[in-house]
Amino acid sequence: MAAFSSNALRDYALVKSPSAQIPASTLLIDSPQCITIFDAYPKAKYHFLVLPRYPFSSKGQKSICSIDDLHDLSSLLAMERGARKEVVEAIRGMAEEVVEMIRDEMMKTEGFTWGIDLGFHAEPSMRLAMFRLTSEKRADKVDTCIYTSFRVIGSRHL
């Protein structure tokens, strides 16, 4: 992707073949409905974004929503209930997969695990709904990060 813009994540959502078109240094995993990328400005040792892909297809349909429905959390919540549920379930499924990957990596590199915060950006700076996963600060490390635009909706103490 070229220079930074508020459309950068939207551009990723529109990529037809993420594993071929997004650098491995950016893309963690992808599925037909979502991608997970490394955050470009990490606030924790493990910091990823799960993004819905567009078109967001379901059960053979072309797309169950428009790209504007995926603009931010508010537009996502305003979607028709069935479509919203499918998008959120796909994001949740990928987030659960990433949590397991993080937990495995924590055990391999540190020998123990710690909590992972999960949530949508409440006040996004980008033009796409994004679900963020960050490892919590560790008791043995000083963490000076300030999370002003992140509404934590759950925490997994692994």
N, C-alpha and C. Protein backbone atom coordinates (compact mmCIF):
# COMPACT_ATOMS: atom_id res chain seq x y z
N MET A 1 0.84 -1.18 0.00
CA MET A 1 0.00 0.00 0.00
C MET A 1 0.89 1.25 0.00
N ALA A 2 0.41 2.29 -0.58
CA ALA A 2 1.17 3.53 -0.73
C ALA A 2 1.17 4.33 0.57
N ALA A 3 1.27 5.64 0.46
CA ALA A 3 1.36 6.52 1.62
C ALA A 3 0.16 6.35 2.56
N PHE A 4 0.39 6.70 3.84
CA PHE A 4 -0.65 6.58 4.85
C PHE A 4 -1.84 7.45 4.51
N SER A 5 -3.03 6.91 4.68
CA SER A 5 -4.26 7.69 4.55
C SER A 5 -5.32 7.03 5.40
N SER A 6 -6.41 7.75 5.65
CA SER A 6 -7.49 7.18 6.45
C SER A 6 -8.20 6.05 5.70
N ASN A 7 -7.88 5.86 4.42
CA ASN A 7 -8.46 4.78 3.63
C ASN A 7 -7.60 3.52 3.62
N ALA A 8 -6.48 3.52 4.30
CA ALA A 8 -5.54 2.39 4.22
C ALA A 8 -6.20 1.07 4.59
N LEU A 9 -6.97 1.04 5.68
CA LEU A 9 -7.61 -0.21 6.07
C LEU A 9 -8.71 -0.60 5.10
N ARG A 10 -9.42 0.38 4.59
CA ARG A 10 -10.45 0.11 3.59
C ARG A 10 -9.80 -0.52 2.35
N ASP A 11 -8.65 -0.01 1.97
CA ASP A 11 -7.92 -0.58 0.83
C ASP A 11 -7.59 -2.05 1.08
N TYR A 12 -7.17 -2.38 2.31
CA TYR A 12 -6.90 -3.78 2.64
C TYR A 12 -8.17 -4.62 2.53
N ALA A 13 -9.30 -4.08 2.97
CA ALA A 13 -10.57 -4.82 2.92
C ALA A 13 -10.99 -5.14 1.50
N LEU A 14 -10.56 -4.33 0.56
CA LEU A 14 -10.94 -4.50 -0.84
C LEU A 14 -10.01 -5.41 -1.64
N VAL A 15 -8.89 -5.80 -1.05
CA VAL A 15 -7.92 -6.65 -1.74
C VAL A 15 -8.54 -8.01 -2.04
N LYS A 16 -8.40 -8.46 -3.29
CA LYS A 16 -9.01 -9.74 -3.71
C LYS A 16 -8.24 -10.95 -3.19
N SER A 17 -6.92 -10.87 -3.12
CA SER A 17 -6.10 -11.99 -2.69
C SER A 17 -5.09 -11.51 -1.64
N PRO A 18 -5.53 -11.41 -0.38
CA PRO A 18 -4.66 -10.84 0.66
C PRO A 18 -3.29 -11.48 0.76
N SER A 19 -3.19 -12.80 0.73
CA SER A 19 -1.89 -13.44 0.91
C SER A 19 -0.94 -13.14 -0.24
N ALA A 20 -1.49 -12.78 -1.41
CA ALA A 20 -0.64 -12.43 -2.55
C ALA A 20 -0.40 -10.93 -2.65
N GLN A 21 -1.29 -10.11 -2.08
CA GLN A 21 -1.22 -8.67 -2.29
C GLN A 21 -0.82 -7.85 -1.06
N ILE A 22 -0.88 -8.45 0.11
CA ILE A 22 -0.50 -7.74 1.35
C ILE A 22 0.79 -8.38 1.85
N PRO A 23 1.80 -7.59 2.15
CA PRO A 23 3.09 -8.15 2.61
C PRO A 23 2.93 -9.00 3.87
N ALA A 24 3.72 -10.03 3.97
CA ALA A 24 3.70 -10.91 5.15
C ALA A 24 4.04 -10.14 6.42
N SER A 25 4.76 -9.06 6.30
CA SER A 25 5.08 -8.24 7.46
C SER A 25 3.88 -7.46 7.96
N THR A 26 2.81 -7.43 7.17
CA THR A 26 1.57 -6.73 7.55
C THR A 26 0.45 -7.71 7.84
N LEU A 27 0.30 -8.74 7.02
CA LEU A 27 -0.81 -9.69 7.12
C LEU A 27 -0.46 -10.84 8.05
N LEU A 28 -1.31 -11.07 9.04
CA LEU A 28 -1.13 -12.23 9.91
C LEU A 28 -1.86 -13.43 9.31
N ILE A 29 -3.18 -13.31 9.14
CA ILE A 29 -3.99 -14.39 8.54
C ILE A 29 -5.14 -13.77 7.77
N ASP A 30 -5.74 -14.59 6.89
CA ASP A 30 -6.93 -14.13 6.18
C ASP A 30 -7.90 -15.28 5.99
N SER A 31 -9.15 -14.92 5.75
CA SER A 31 -10.21 -15.87 5.45
C SER A 31 -11.07 -15.20 4.37
N PRO A 32 -12.06 -15.90 3.84
CA PRO A 32 -12.91 -15.25 2.83
C PRO A 32 -13.66 -14.02 3.35
N GLN A 33 -13.84 -13.91 4.68
CA GLN A 33 -14.63 -12.80 5.22
C GLN A 33 -13.84 -11.77 6.02
N CYS A 34 -12.66 -12.11 6.49
CA CYS A 34 -11.88 -11.19 7.34
C CYS A 34 -10.39 -11.33 7.07
N ILE A 35 -9.66 -10.31 7.48
CA ILE A 35 -8.20 -10.40 7.52
C ILE A 35 -7.74 -9.89 8.87
N THR A 36 -6.59 -10.35 9.30
CA THR A 36 -5.96 -9.82 10.50
C THR A 36 -4.59 -9.29 10.11
N ILE A 37 -4.34 -8.06 10.53
CA ILE A 37 -3.06 -7.42 10.22
C ILE A 37 -2.36 -7.01 11.51
N PHE A 38 -1.05 -6.87 11.42
CA PHE A 38 -0.27 -6.30 12.52
C PHE A 38 -0.59 -4.81 12.55
N ASP A 39 -0.82 -4.25 13.72
CA ASP A 39 -1.06 -2.82 13.82
C ASP A 39 0.22 -2.08 13.43
N ALA A 40 0.09 -1.07 12.61
CA ALA A 40 1.26 -0.31 12.15
C ALA A 40 1.90 0.50 13.27
N TYR A 41 1.12 0.80 14.31
CA TYR A 41 1.61 1.57 15.45
C TYR A 41 1.26 0.82 16.74
N PRO A 42 1.93 -0.30 17.00
CA PRO A 42 1.55 -1.15 18.15
C PRO A 42 1.69 -0.45 19.49
N LYS A 43 0.70 -0.69 20.34
CA LYS A 43 0.69 -0.14 21.69
C LYS A 43 0.97 -1.22 22.73
N ALA A 44 1.27 -2.42 22.27
CA ALA A 44 1.56 -3.54 23.16
C ALA A 44 2.40 -4.55 22.40
N LYS A 45 2.96 -5.51 23.12
CA LYS A 45 3.79 -6.52 22.46
C LYS A 45 3.01 -7.25 21.37
N TYR A 46 1.76 -7.57 21.64
CA TYR A 46 0.90 -8.21 20.65
C TYR A 46 -0.24 -7.25 20.37
N HIS A 47 -0.34 -6.78 19.13
CA HIS A 47 -1.33 -5.77 18.77
C HIS A 47 -1.76 -6.01 17.32
N PHE A 48 -2.99 -6.48 17.15
CA PHE A 48 -3.50 -6.85 15.83
C PHE A 48 -4.85 -6.20 15.58
N LEU A 49 -5.21 -6.07 14.31
CA LEU A 49 -6.51 -5.57 13.90
C LEU A 49 -7.19 -6.62 13.03
N VAL A 50 -8.43 -6.96 13.38
CA VAL A 50 -9.25 -7.84 12.55
C VAL A 50 -10.16 -6.93 11.74
N LEU A 51 -10.13 -7.11 10.42
CA LEU A 51 -10.90 -6.27 9.51
C LEU A 51 -11.86 -7.12 8.69
N PRO A 52 -13.10 -6.66 8.53
CA PRO A 52 -13.99 -7.37 7.61
C PRO A 52 -13.55 -7.11 6.18
N ARG A 53 -13.71 -8.09 5.31
CA ARG A 53 -13.36 -7.93 3.90
C ARG A 53 -14.59 -7.49 3.12
N TYR A 54 -14.34 -6.85 2.00
CA TYR A 54 -15.43 -6.47 1.11
C TYR A 54 -15.08 -6.89 -0.31
N PRO A 55 -16.00 -7.53 -1.03
CA PRO A 55 -17.37 -7.80 -0.60
C PRO A 55 -17.42 -8.85 0.50
N PHE A 56 -18.36 -8.67 1.41
CA PHE A 56 -18.55 -9.60 2.52
C PHE A 56 -19.63 -10.58 2.09
N SER A 57 -19.22 -11.74 1.58
CA SER A 57 -20.19 -12.70 1.08
C SER A 57 -20.57 -13.72 2.14
N SER A 58 -21.76 -14.23 1.97
CA SER A 58 -22.26 -15.22 2.90
C SER A 58 -23.17 -16.19 2.16
N LYS A 59 -22.95 -17.45 2.37
CA LYS A 59 -23.80 -18.50 1.81
C LYS A 59 -24.04 -18.31 0.31
N GLY A 60 -22.99 -18.01 -0.42
CA GLY A 60 -23.08 -17.89 -1.86
C GLY A 60 -23.62 -16.56 -2.38
N GLN A 61 -24.07 -15.68 -1.48
CA GLN A 61 -24.56 -14.37 -1.91
C GLN A 61 -23.38 -13.52 -2.35
N LYS A 62 -23.63 -12.56 -3.23
CA LYS A 62 -22.56 -11.70 -3.72
C LYS A 62 -21.98 -10.88 -2.57
N SER A 63 -22.79 -10.12 -1.86
CA SER A 63 -22.35 -9.40 -0.67
C SER A 63 -23.59 -9.07 0.16
N ILE A 64 -23.48 -9.22 1.46
CA ILE A 64 -24.64 -8.97 2.31
C ILE A 64 -24.68 -7.53 2.82
N CYS A 65 -23.69 -6.72 2.42
CA CYS A 65 -23.65 -5.34 2.87
C CYS A 65 -22.86 -4.49 1.89
N SER A 66 -22.89 -3.19 2.08
CA SER A 66 -22.09 -2.29 1.26
C SER A 66 -20.79 -1.97 2.00
N ILE A 67 -19.84 -1.43 1.30
CA ILE A 67 -18.58 -1.04 1.94
C ILE A 67 -18.85 0.03 2.99
N ASP A 68 -19.85 0.88 2.76
CA ASP A 68 -20.17 1.93 3.74
C ASP A 68 -20.75 1.35 5.03
N ASP A 69 -21.38 0.16 4.96
CA ASP A 69 -21.87 -0.49 6.17
C ASP A 69 -20.71 -0.91 7.08
N LEU A 70 -19.53 -1.02 6.51
CA LEU A 70 -18.34 -1.45 7.27
C LEU A 70 -17.46 -0.26 7.65
N HIS A 71 -17.97 0.94 7.48
CA HIS A 71 -17.20 2.17 7.69
C HIS A 71 -16.67 2.30 9.13
N ASP A 72 -17.50 2.07 10.11
CA ASP A 72 -17.11 2.19 11.51
C ASP A 72 -18.09 1.40 12.36
N LEU A 73 -17.90 1.42 13.66
CA LEU A 73 -18.76 0.65 14.55
C LEU A 73 -20.21 1.11 14.47
N SER A 74 -20.45 2.41 14.37
CA SER A 74 -21.82 2.92 14.29
C SER A 74 -22.54 2.41 13.04
N SER A 75 -21.87 2.45 11.90
CA SER A 75 -22.51 1.98 10.67
C SER A 75 -22.70 0.46 10.71
N LEU A 76 -21.78 -0.24 11.33
CA LEU A 76 -21.91 -1.68 11.48
C LEU A 76 -23.14 -2.01 12.34
N LEU A 77 -23.31 -1.27 13.44
CA LEU A 77 -24.45 -1.51 14.32
C LEU A 77 -25.77 -1.13 13.68
N ALA A 78 -25.75 -0.25 12.69
CA ALA A 78 -26.97 0.19 12.00
C ALA A 78 -27.40 -0.78 10.89
N MET A 79 -26.58 -1.77 10.60
CA MET A 79 -26.91 -2.74 9.55
C MET A 79 -28.14 -3.56 9.93
N GLU A 80 -28.74 -4.17 8.93
CA GLU A 80 -29.84 -5.11 9.16
C GLU A 80 -29.33 -6.20 10.10
N ARG A 81 -30.17 -6.61 11.02
CA ARG A 81 -29.76 -7.50 12.10
C ARG A 81 -29.06 -8.78 11.63
N GLY A 82 -29.61 -9.46 10.65
CA GLY A 82 -29.01 -10.71 10.19
C GLY A 82 -27.63 -10.50 9.58
N ALA A 83 -27.51 -9.46 8.77
CA ALA A 83 -26.22 -9.15 8.15
C ALA A 83 -25.20 -8.74 9.21
N ARG A 84 -25.63 -7.91 10.15
CA ARG A 84 -24.75 -7.47 11.23
C ARG A 84 -24.24 -8.67 12.02
N LYS A 85 -25.14 -9.59 12.33
CA LYS A 85 -24.75 -10.78 13.10
C LYS A 85 -23.69 -11.59 12.35
N GLU A 86 -23.86 -11.75 11.04
CA GLU A 86 -22.88 -12.52 10.27
C GLU A 86 -21.52 -11.85 10.25
N VAL A 87 -21.49 -10.53 10.08
CA VAL A 87 -20.22 -9.80 10.07
C VAL A 87 -19.54 -9.92 11.43
N VAL A 88 -20.30 -9.66 12.49
CA VAL A 88 -19.73 -9.70 13.85
C VAL A 88 -19.27 -11.11 14.19
N GLU A 89 -20.03 -12.13 13.81
CA GLU A 89 -19.62 -13.51 14.07
C GLU A 89 -18.34 -13.88 13.33
N ALA A 90 -18.19 -13.40 12.11
CA ALA A 90 -16.96 -13.67 11.35
C ALA A 90 -15.76 -12.99 12.02
N ILE A 91 -15.96 -11.74 12.45
CA ILE A 91 -14.89 -11.02 13.16
C ILE A 91 -14.55 -11.75 14.45
N ARG A 92 -15.57 -12.15 15.19
CA ARG A 92 -15.36 -12.87 16.44
C ARG A 92 -14.60 -14.18 16.23
N GLY A 93 -14.99 -14.92 15.20
CA GLY A 93 -14.32 -16.19 14.92
C GLY A 93 -12.84 -16.00 14.62
N MET A 94 -12.53 -14.98 13.82
CA MET A 94 -11.12 -14.73 13.51
C MET A 94 -10.39 -14.23 14.75
N ALA A 95 -11.04 -13.39 15.54
CA ALA A 95 -10.41 -12.88 16.77
C ALA A 95 -10.08 -14.04 17.71
N GLU A 96 -10.96 -15.01 17.82
CA GLU A 96 -10.68 -16.17 18.68
C GLU A 96 -9.47 -16.95 18.18
N GLU A 97 -9.35 -17.07 16.86
CA GLU A 97 -8.20 -17.75 16.28
C GLU A 97 -6.91 -16.98 16.60
N VAL A 98 -6.96 -15.67 16.50
CA VAL A 98 -5.78 -14.84 16.79
C VAL A 98 -5.42 -14.91 18.28
N VAL A 99 -6.43 -14.93 19.15
CA VAL A 99 -6.16 -15.06 20.59
C VAL A 99 -5.36 -16.34 20.85
N GLU A 100 -5.75 -17.42 20.22
CA GLU A 100 -5.02 -18.69 20.39
C GLU A 100 -3.59 -18.58 19.87
N MET A 101 -3.41 -17.90 18.75
CA MET A 101 -2.07 -17.70 18.20
C MET A 101 -1.21 -16.88 19.16
N ILE A 102 -1.80 -15.82 19.71
CA ILE A 102 -1.08 -14.97 20.67
C ILE A 102 -0.69 -15.78 21.89
N ARG A 103 -1.65 -16.53 22.42
CA ARG A 103 -1.37 -17.34 23.61
C ARG A 103 -0.24 -18.33 23.35
N ASP A 104 -0.26 -18.99 22.20
CA ASP A 104 0.82 -19.93 21.85
C ASP A 104 2.16 -19.21 21.78
N GLU A 105 2.18 -18.04 21.16
CA GLU A 105 3.42 -17.27 21.04
C GLU A 105 3.93 -16.81 22.41
N MET A 106 3.01 -16.39 23.28
CA MET A 106 3.40 -15.99 24.64
C MET A 106 4.10 -17.15 25.36
N MET A 107 3.52 -18.34 25.24
CA MET A 107 4.11 -19.50 25.91
C MET A 107 5.48 -19.83 25.33
N LYS A 108 5.61 -19.74 24.01
CA LYS A 108 6.89 -20.05 23.37
C LYS A 108 7.98 -19.05 23.74
N THR A 109 7.63 -17.77 23.78
CA THR A 109 8.65 -16.74 23.99
C THR A 109 8.84 -16.35 25.44
N GLU A 110 7.80 -16.43 26.25
CA GLU A 110 7.88 -15.96 27.63
C GLU A 110 7.74 -17.07 28.67
N GLY A 111 7.12 -18.17 28.27
CA GLY A 111 6.90 -19.27 29.21
C GLY A 111 5.65 -19.12 30.04
N PHE A 112 4.87 -18.09 29.80
CA PHE A 112 3.60 -17.88 30.50
C PHE A 112 2.72 -16.98 29.62
N THR A 113 1.45 -16.84 30.02
CA THR A 113 0.53 -15.99 29.25
C THR A 113 -0.01 -14.90 30.17
N TRP A 114 -0.54 -13.85 29.56
CA TRP A 114 -1.21 -12.79 30.30
C TRP A 114 -2.42 -12.35 29.50
N GLY A 115 -3.19 -11.43 30.01
CA GLY A 115 -4.46 -11.04 29.41
C GLY A 115 -4.36 -10.41 28.03
N ILE A 116 -5.45 -10.53 27.31
CA ILE A 116 -5.58 -9.93 25.99
C ILE A 116 -6.87 -9.13 25.97
N ASP A 117 -6.78 -7.85 25.64
CA ASP A 117 -7.96 -7.00 25.53
C ASP A 117 -8.51 -7.09 24.11
N LEU A 118 -9.84 -7.14 24.02
CA LEU A 118 -10.52 -7.25 22.74
C LEU A 118 -11.56 -6.14 22.65
N GLY A 119 -11.67 -5.49 21.51
CA GLY A 119 -12.73 -4.50 21.36
C GLY A 119 -12.65 -3.73 20.06
N PHE A 120 -13.76 -3.09 19.71
CA PHE A 120 -13.80 -2.22 18.54
C PHE A 120 -13.25 -0.86 18.92
N HIS A 121 -12.64 -0.19 17.96
CA HIS A 121 -12.24 1.19 18.17
C HIS A 121 -13.52 2.02 18.31
N ALA A 122 -13.67 2.72 19.42
CA ALA A 122 -14.86 3.54 19.65
C ALA A 122 -14.84 4.80 18.80
N GLU A 123 -13.66 5.37 18.63
CA GLU A 123 -13.49 6.57 17.82
C GLU A 123 -12.39 6.31 16.79
N PRO A 124 -12.75 5.61 15.72
CA PRO A 124 -11.72 5.19 14.76
C PRO A 124 -11.10 6.36 14.00
N SER A 125 -9.83 6.20 13.70
CA SER A 125 -9.12 7.18 12.89
C SER A 125 -9.08 6.75 11.43
N MET A 126 -9.55 5.55 11.17
CA MET A 126 -9.52 4.98 9.82
C MET A 126 -10.95 4.77 9.33
N ARG A 127 -11.11 4.60 8.02
CA ARG A 127 -12.43 4.46 7.42
C ARG A 127 -12.82 2.99 7.25
N LEU A 128 -12.77 2.23 8.32
CA LEU A 128 -13.24 0.85 8.32
C LEU A 128 -13.39 0.40 9.76
N ALA A 129 -14.48 -0.32 10.04
CA ALA A 129 -14.66 -0.88 11.38
C ALA A 129 -13.50 -1.83 11.65
N MET A 130 -12.85 -1.65 12.78
CA MET A 130 -11.72 -2.51 13.10
C MET A 130 -11.86 -3.03 14.52
N PHE A 131 -11.54 -4.30 14.66
CA PHE A 131 -11.59 -4.97 15.96
C PHE A 131 -10.15 -5.17 16.39
N ARG A 132 -9.82 -4.66 17.56
CA ARG A 132 -8.43 -4.66 18.00
C ARG A 132 -8.19 -5.69 19.09
N LEU A 133 -7.05 -6.36 19.00
CA LEU A 133 -6.59 -7.29 20.02
C LEU A 133 -5.24 -6.80 20.50
N THR A 134 -5.11 -6.57 21.80
CA THR A 134 -3.83 -6.15 22.36
C THR A 134 -3.56 -6.92 23.63
N SER A 135 -2.32 -7.28 23.81
CA SER A 135 -1.96 -7.90 25.07
C SER A 135 -1.96 -6.81 26.14
N GLU A 136 -2.39 -7.19 27.32
CA GLU A 136 -2.39 -6.24 28.43
C GLU A 136 -0.96 -5.96 28.86
N LYS A 137 -0.80 -4.88 29.61
CA LYS A 137 0.53 -4.62 30.14
C LYS A 137 0.86 -5.71 31.15
N ARG A 138 2.11 -6.06 31.17
CA ARG A 138 2.57 -7.09 32.09
C ARG A 138 3.03 -6.45 33.38
N ALA A 139 2.83 -7.15 34.47
CA ALA A 139 3.20 -6.61 35.78
C ALA A 139 4.70 -6.35 35.89
N ASP A 140 5.51 -7.10 35.14
CA ASP A 140 6.96 -6.93 35.23
C ASP A 140 7.51 -5.95 34.20
N LYS A 141 6.65 -5.26 33.48
CA LYS A 141 7.08 -4.28 32.48
C LYS A 141 6.38 -2.95 32.75
N VAL A 142 7.04 -1.87 32.44
CA VAL A 142 6.43 -0.55 32.55
C VAL A 142 5.73 -0.26 31.23
N ASP A 143 4.45 0.07 31.30
CA ASP A 143 3.68 0.35 30.09
C ASP A 143 3.20 1.79 30.17
N THR A 144 3.66 2.62 29.25
CA THR A 144 3.28 4.04 29.28
C THR A 144 2.25 4.36 28.22
N CYS A 145 1.63 3.34 27.61
CA CYS A 145 0.65 3.58 26.55
C CYS A 145 -0.65 4.15 27.12
N ILE A 146 -1.26 5.02 26.36
CA ILE A 146 -2.56 5.57 26.72
C ILE A 146 -3.54 5.18 25.63
N TYR A 147 -4.63 4.52 26.02
CA TYR A 147 -5.63 4.08 25.06
C TYR A 147 -6.84 5.00 25.16
N THR A 148 -6.88 6.02 24.34
CA THR A 148 -7.96 7.00 24.44
C THR A 148 -9.12 6.69 23.50
N SER A 149 -8.90 5.91 22.46
CA SER A 149 -9.97 5.69 21.50
C SER A 149 -10.39 4.23 21.43
N PHE A 150 -10.17 3.49 22.49
CA PHE A 150 -10.40 2.05 22.45
C PHE A 150 -11.34 1.65 23.56
N ARG A 151 -12.48 1.15 23.20
CA ARG A 151 -13.45 0.68 24.18
C ARG A 151 -13.25 -0.81 24.36
N VAL A 152 -12.76 -1.22 25.51
CA VAL A 152 -12.54 -2.65 25.77
C VAL A 152 -13.90 -3.28 26.03
N ILE A 153 -14.20 -4.34 25.27
CA ILE A 153 -15.47 -5.02 25.47
C ILE A 153 -15.27 -6.39 26.10
N GLY A 154 -14.05 -6.74 26.34
CA GLY A 154 -13.79 -8.01 26.98
C GLY A 154 -12.31 -8.18 27.21
N SER A 155 -11.97 -8.98 28.15
CA SER A 155 -10.57 -9.26 28.39
C SER A 155 -10.44 -10.74 28.67
N ARG A 156 -9.46 -11.33 28.07
CA ARG A 156 -9.20 -12.75 28.28
C ARG A 156 -7.93 -12.87 29.09
N HIS A 157 -8.06 -13.38 30.27
CA HIS A 157 -6.86 -13.66 31.08
C HIS A 157 -6.49 -15.10 30.82
N LEU A 158 -5.47 -15.26 30.01
CA LEU A 158 -5.12 -16.60 29.54
C LEU A 158 -4.14 -17.26 30.45
